[in-house]
Amino acid sequence: MLFNEQGFIDIDEMIAQEPSFQKIMEDGVVTGEELREQTDRVISLLHEVENRLSEEDQLLVKKLFAETNVLTAIYHYYDIQNIG
């Protein structure tokens, strides 16, 4: 479900295949309205997950979100450190 044949998660490919991303990027411009709509979409999905999952599963998803965002943040810091 998440991993490709090489055992990696290809986030860029997942994003590129999402119809919401494709629609937003059709014209190459992200509008405030598109940003709000995507925010609402994510919030709606988070509420759905919250309603469907047990408390233990919710904690696991919360940890996954936190660690994924830590990875994103440190990746950006790493890139900035290595400019030039």
C-alpha atoms as a PDB file:
ATOM      1  CA  MET A   1       0.000   0.000   0.000  1.00  0.00           C
ATOM      2  CA  LEU A   2       2.671   2.506   0.969  1.00  0.00           C
ATOM      3  CA  PHE A   3       5.950   1.062  -0.257  1.00  0.00           C
ATOM      4  CA  ASN A   4       7.159   0.669  -3.847  1.00  0.00           C
ATOM      5  CA  GLU A   5       9.038  -2.352  -5.219  1.00  0.00           C
ATOM      6  CA  GLN A   6      12.330  -1.002  -3.850  1.00  0.00           C
ATOM      7  CA  GLY A   7      10.881  -0.735  -0.340  1.00  0.00           C
ATOM      8  CA  PHE A   8      10.613   3.056  -0.342  1.00  0.00           C
ATOM      9  CA  ILE A   9       7.659   5.372   0.086  1.00  0.00           C
ATOM     10  CA  ASP A  10       7.549   7.621  -2.960  1.00  0.00           C
ATOM     11  CA  ILE A  11       5.730  10.638  -1.518  1.00  0.00           C
ATOM     12  CA  ASP A  12       6.266  12.706  -4.655  1.00  0.00           C
ATOM     13  CA  GLU A  13       4.575  10.032  -6.757  1.00  0.00           C
ATOM     14  CA  MET A  14       1.708   9.712  -4.261  1.00  0.00           C
ATOM     15  CA  ILE A  15       1.162  13.464  -4.407  1.00  0.00           C
ATOM     16  CA  ALA A  16       1.378  13.592  -8.204  1.00  0.00           C
ATOM     17  CA  GLN A  17      -1.274  10.879  -8.517  1.00  0.00           C
ATOM     18  CA  GLU A  18      -3.780  12.586  -6.216  1.00  0.00           C
ATOM     19  CA  PRO A  19      -6.657  14.087  -8.216  1.00  0.00           C
ATOM     20  CA  SER A  20      -6.785  17.061  -5.824  1.00  0.00           C
ATOM     21  CA  PHE A  21      -3.137  17.907  -6.571  1.00  0.00           C
ATOM     22  CA  GLN A  22      -3.601  17.430 -10.307  1.00  0.00           C
ATOM     23  CA  LYS A  23      -6.640  19.736 -10.319  1.00  0.00           C
ATOM     24  CA  ILE A  24      -4.918  22.408  -8.237  1.00  0.00           C
ATOM     25  CA  MET A  25      -1.778  22.346 -10.392  1.00  0.00           C
ATOM     26  CA  GLU A  26      -3.536  22.339 -13.789  1.00  0.00           C
ATOM     27  CA  ASP A  27      -2.746  26.006 -14.329  1.00  0.00           C
ATOM     28  CA  GLY A  28       0.485  26.010 -12.313  1.00  0.00           C
ATOM     29  CA  VAL A  29      -0.901  28.517  -9.806  1.00  0.00           C
ATOM     30  CA  VAL A  30      -2.125  27.794  -6.278  1.00  0.00           C
ATOM     31  CA  THR A  31      -4.884  30.193  -5.256  1.00  0.00           C
ATOM     32  CA  GLY A  32      -6.048  31.093  -1.776  1.00  0.00           C
ATOM     33  CA  GLU A  33      -9.336  29.368  -2.532  1.00  0.00           C
ATOM     34  CA  GLU A  34      -7.559  26.159  -3.566  1.00  0.00           C
ATOM     35  CA  LEU A  35      -5.505  26.309  -0.389  1.00  0.00           C
ATOM     36  CA  ARG A  36      -8.655  26.718   1.728  1.00  0.00           C
ATOM     37  CA  GLU A  37     -10.395  23.865  -0.109  1.00  0.00           C
ATOM     38  CA  GLN A  38      -7.422  21.552   0.417  1.00  0.00           C
ATOM     39  CA  THR A  39      -7.267  22.565   4.083  1.00  0.00           C
ATOM     40  CA  ASP A  40     -10.962  21.697   4.453  1.00  0.00           C
ATOM     41  CA  ARG A  41     -10.398  18.373   2.651  1.00  0.00           C
ATOM     42  CA  VAL A  42      -7.596  17.419   5.041  1.00  0.00           C
ATOM     43  CA  ILE A  43      -9.589  18.473   8.109  1.00  0.00           C
ATOM     44  CA  SER A  44     -12.540  16.406   6.913  1.00  0.00           C
ATOM     45  CA  LEU A  45     -10.312  13.355   6.427  1.00  0.00           C
ATOM     46  CA  LEU A  46      -8.769  13.826   9.867  1.00  0.00           C
ATOM     47  CA  HIS A  47     -12.248  13.888  11.424  1.00  0.00           C
ATOM     48  CA  GLU A  48     -13.144  10.738   9.495  1.00  0.00           C
ATOM     49  CA  VAL A  49     -10.018   8.979  10.763  1.00  0.00           C
ATOM     50  CA  GLU A  50     -10.759  10.156  14.283  1.00  0.00           C
ATOM     51  CA  ASN A  51     -14.280   8.720  14.096  1.00  0.00           C
ATOM     52  CA  ARG A  52     -13.213   5.385  12.598  1.00  0.00           C
ATOM     53  CA  LEU A  53     -10.080   4.532  14.560  1.00  0.00           C
ATOM     54  CA  SER A  54      -9.667   3.356  18.111  1.00  0.00           C
ATOM     55  CA  GLU A  55      -7.916   5.652  20.563  1.00  0.00           C
ATOM     56  CA  GLU A  56      -4.764   3.519  20.264  1.00  0.00           C
ATOM     57  CA  ASP A  57      -4.838   3.741  16.457  1.00  0.00           C
ATOM     58  CA  GLN A  58      -5.380   7.506  16.668  1.00  0.00           C
ATOM     59  CA  LEU A  59      -2.253   7.837  18.820  1.00  0.00           C
ATOM     60  CA  LEU A  60      -0.273   5.871  16.235  1.00  0.00           C
ATOM     61  CA  VAL A  61      -1.522   8.132  13.416  1.00  0.00           C
ATOM     62  CA  LYS A  62      -0.725  11.206  15.527  1.00  0.00           C
ATOM     63  CA  LYS A  63       2.820   9.916  16.061  1.00  0.00           C
ATOM     64  CA  LEU A  64       3.149   9.213  12.323  1.00  0.00           C
ATOM     65  CA  PHE A  65       2.046  12.774  11.467  1.00  0.00           C
ATOM     66  CA  ALA A  66       4.461  14.249  14.007  1.00  0.00           C
ATOM     67  CA  GLU A  67       7.446  12.197  12.840  1.00  0.00           C
ATOM     68  CA  THR A  68       6.645  12.804   9.166  1.00  0.00           C
ATOM     69  CA  ASN A  69       6.602  16.537   9.794  1.00  0.00           C
ATOM     70  CA  VAL A  70       9.849  16.315  11.779  1.00  0.00           C
ATOM     71  CA  LEU A  71      11.383  14.623   8.732  1.00  0.00           C
ATOM     72  CA  THR A  72      10.070  17.376   6.444  1.00  0.00           C
ATOM     73  CA  ALA A  73      11.393  20.103   8.737  1.00  0.00           C
ATOM     74  CA  ILE A  74      14.856  18.623   9.132  1.00  0.00           C
ATOM     75  CA  TYR A  75      15.048  17.898   5.404  1.00  0.00           C
ATOM     76  CA  HIS A  76      14.525  21.617   4.749  1.00  0.00           C
ATOM     77  CA  TYR A  77      17.126  22.566   7.366  1.00  0.00           C
ATOM     78  CA  TYR A  78      19.547  20.083   5.788  1.00  0.00           C
ATOM     79  CA  ASP A  79      18.984  21.644   2.351  1.00  0.00           C
ATOM     80  CA  ILE A  80      19.529  25.151   3.726  1.00  0.00           C
ATOM     81  CA  GLN A  81      22.761  24.078   5.464  1.00  0.00           C
ATOM     82  CA  ASN A  82      24.099  22.664   2.210  1.00  0.00           C
ATOM     83  CA  ILE A  83      23.363  25.629  -0.057  1.00  0.00           C
ATOM     84  CA  GLY A  84      26.497  26.911  -1.689  1.00  0.00           C
END
